Amino acid sequence: MSDAEPWGPPYVVQDDQEGPKPAQSRAPLVCREEGFVISAGVQGTVLMHPEAPLVAR
């Protein structure tokens, strides 16, 4: 199963630094040295819960 909404790293600098949006849909604002950042979305990665069973398909 994959999650289509943007969340997690990598983060990129937001264009609107005066009115920043939450860094991801389920998180607060994130500010780093370069300013407010936003998730660039899933970049070909998969996150799995450590207790999720592995099933071969």
N, C-alpha and C. Protein backbone atom coordinates (compact mmCIF):
# COMPACT_ATOMS: atom_id res chain seq x y z
N MET A 1 0.85 -1.17 0.00
CA MET A 1 0.00 0.00 0.00
C MET A 1 0.89 1.24 0.00
N SER A 2 0.55 2.22 -0.80
CA SER A 2 1.31 3.45 -0.81
C SER A 2 0.42 4.62 -0.45
N ASP A 3 1.02 5.67 0.04
CA ASP A 3 0.31 6.85 0.49
C ASP A 3 0.60 7.96 -0.52
N ALA A 4 -0.41 8.44 -1.20
CA ALA A 4 -0.21 9.42 -2.26
C ALA A 4 -0.01 10.84 -1.74
N GLU A 5 -0.45 11.13 -0.51
CA GLU A 5 -0.30 12.50 -0.03
C GLU A 5 1.14 12.77 0.41
N PRO A 6 1.61 14.01 0.23
CA PRO A 6 3.00 14.32 0.60
C PRO A 6 3.22 14.25 2.10
N TRP A 7 4.25 13.60 2.50
CA TRP A 7 4.62 13.54 3.91
C TRP A 7 6.08 13.13 4.01
N GLY A 8 6.72 13.61 5.03
CA GLY A 8 8.08 13.19 5.32
C GLY A 8 9.14 13.74 4.38
N PRO A 9 10.39 13.38 4.65
CA PRO A 9 11.49 13.86 3.84
C PRO A 9 11.44 13.27 2.43
N PRO A 10 12.08 13.82 1.47
CA PRO A 10 12.89 15.04 1.59
C PRO A 10 12.02 16.28 1.68
N TYR A 11 12.55 17.30 2.35
CA TYR A 11 11.86 18.58 2.46
C TYR A 11 12.52 19.59 1.54
N VAL A 12 11.69 20.50 1.00
CA VAL A 12 12.19 21.58 0.15
C VAL A 12 11.70 22.90 0.73
N VAL A 13 12.39 23.98 0.40
CA VAL A 13 12.02 25.30 0.90
C VAL A 13 10.70 25.73 0.25
N GLN A 14 9.79 26.25 1.08
CA GLN A 14 8.51 26.74 0.56
C GLN A 14 8.71 28.05 -0.20
N ASP A 15 7.94 28.24 -1.26
CA ASP A 15 8.01 29.48 -2.02
C ASP A 15 7.51 30.67 -1.22
N ASP A 16 6.43 30.47 -0.45
CA ASP A 16 5.83 31.56 0.33
C ASP A 16 6.33 31.52 1.76
N GLN A 17 7.37 32.26 2.06
CA GLN A 17 7.94 32.28 3.41
C GLN A 17 7.15 33.19 4.36
N GLU A 18 6.30 34.06 3.82
CA GLU A 18 5.49 34.97 4.64
C GLU A 18 4.22 34.29 5.14
N GLY A 19 3.71 33.32 4.40
CA GLY A 19 2.50 32.60 4.79
C GLY A 19 2.70 31.11 4.63
N PRO A 20 3.61 30.53 5.42
CA PRO A 20 3.95 29.12 5.22
C PRO A 20 2.79 28.18 5.53
N LYS A 21 2.83 27.02 4.89
CA LYS A 21 1.85 25.96 5.11
C LYS A 21 2.49 24.89 6.01
N PRO A 22 1.66 24.02 6.60
CA PRO A 22 2.25 22.91 7.36
C PRO A 22 3.22 22.12 6.47
N ALA A 23 4.26 21.60 7.07
CA ALA A 23 5.29 20.89 6.31
C ALA A 23 4.74 19.65 5.62
N GLN A 24 3.72 19.06 6.19
CA GLN A 24 3.09 17.89 5.60
C GLN A 24 1.66 17.84 6.10
N SER A 25 0.85 17.04 5.50
CA SER A 25 -0.58 17.04 5.82
C SER A 25 -0.89 16.68 7.26
N ARG A 26 -0.01 15.94 7.91
CA ARG A 26 -0.27 15.50 9.29
C ARG A 26 0.75 16.05 10.26
N ALA A 27 1.31 17.24 9.97
CA ALA A 27 2.36 17.76 10.84
C ALA A 27 2.28 19.28 10.95
N PRO A 28 2.98 19.85 11.91
CA PRO A 28 3.01 21.29 12.07
C PRO A 28 3.98 21.94 11.08
N LEU A 29 4.13 23.25 11.23
CA LEU A 29 5.13 23.96 10.44
C LEU A 29 6.51 23.47 10.81
N VAL A 30 7.40 23.43 9.84
CA VAL A 30 8.79 23.04 10.09
C VAL A 30 9.69 24.15 9.55
N CYS A 31 10.56 24.66 10.40
CA CYS A 31 11.48 25.71 9.98
C CYS A 31 12.91 25.22 10.19
N ARG A 32 13.72 25.40 9.17
CA ARG A 32 15.13 25.02 9.23
C ARG A 32 15.95 26.26 8.92
N GLU A 33 17.25 26.13 8.86
CA GLU A 33 18.12 27.28 8.58
C GLU A 33 17.72 28.01 7.31
N GLU A 34 17.29 27.26 6.29
CA GLU A 34 16.96 27.87 5.01
C GLU A 34 15.56 28.47 4.98
N GLY A 35 14.77 28.32 6.05
CA GLY A 35 13.42 28.87 6.12
C GLY A 35 12.40 27.78 6.32
N PHE A 36 11.13 28.12 6.09
CA PHE A 36 10.06 27.14 6.22
C PHE A 36 10.15 26.13 5.08
N VAL A 37 10.03 24.86 5.43
CA VAL A 37 10.14 23.80 4.43
C VAL A 37 8.83 23.04 4.33
N ILE A 38 8.67 22.32 3.22
CA ILE A 38 7.49 21.50 2.99
C ILE A 38 7.95 20.17 2.41
N SER A 39 7.19 19.14 2.68
CA SER A 39 7.55 17.82 2.17
C SER A 39 7.50 17.83 0.65
N ALA A 40 8.49 17.23 0.03
CA ALA A 40 8.51 17.09 -1.42
C ALA A 40 7.74 15.84 -1.83
N GLY A 41 7.18 15.15 -0.84
CA GLY A 41 6.39 13.96 -1.13
C GLY A 41 7.24 12.70 -1.16
N VAL A 42 6.57 11.64 -1.35
CA VAL A 42 7.23 10.34 -1.41
C VAL A 42 8.11 10.32 -2.65
N GLN A 43 9.36 10.01 -2.48
CA GLN A 43 10.31 10.01 -3.58
C GLN A 43 10.79 8.61 -3.88
N GLY A 44 9.87 7.75 -4.25
CA GLY A 44 10.24 6.38 -4.58
C GLY A 44 10.63 5.56 -3.37
N THR A 45 10.15 5.96 -2.20
CA THR A 45 10.46 5.21 -0.99
C THR A 45 9.19 4.62 -0.42
N VAL A 46 9.34 3.62 0.40
CA VAL A 46 8.20 2.98 1.05
C VAL A 46 8.50 2.90 2.53
N LEU A 47 7.56 3.33 3.35
CA LEU A 47 7.70 3.20 4.79
C LEU A 47 6.81 2.06 5.24
N MET A 48 7.36 1.23 6.11
CA MET A 48 6.57 0.12 6.64
C MET A 48 6.62 0.16 8.15
N HIS A 49 5.52 -0.17 8.75
CA HIS A 49 5.48 -0.25 10.21
C HIS A 49 6.34 -1.45 10.61
N PRO A 50 7.16 -1.29 11.65
CA PRO A 50 8.06 -2.40 12.02
C PRO A 50 7.33 -3.68 12.42
N GLU A 51 6.07 -3.58 12.80
CA GLU A 51 5.33 -4.77 13.19
C GLU A 51 4.46 -5.32 12.05
N ALA A 52 4.53 -4.69 10.88
CA ALA A 52 3.73 -5.15 9.73
C ALA A 52 4.30 -6.45 9.21
N PRO A 53 3.43 -7.42 8.94
CA PRO A 53 3.93 -8.69 8.41
C PRO A 53 4.42 -8.52 6.96
N LEU A 54 5.49 -9.19 6.63
CA LEU A 54 5.97 -9.17 5.26
C LEU A 54 5.27 -10.27 4.49
N VAL A 55 4.66 -9.90 3.37
CA VAL A 55 3.90 -10.86 2.58
C VAL A 55 4.46 -10.85 1.16
N ALA A 56 4.88 -12.00 0.68
CA ALA A 56 5.37 -12.11 -0.69
C ALA A 56 4.19 -12.14 -1.63
N ARG A 57 4.30 -11.40 -2.72
CA ARG A 57 3.20 -11.40 -3.70
C ARG A 57 3.70 -11.87 -5.02
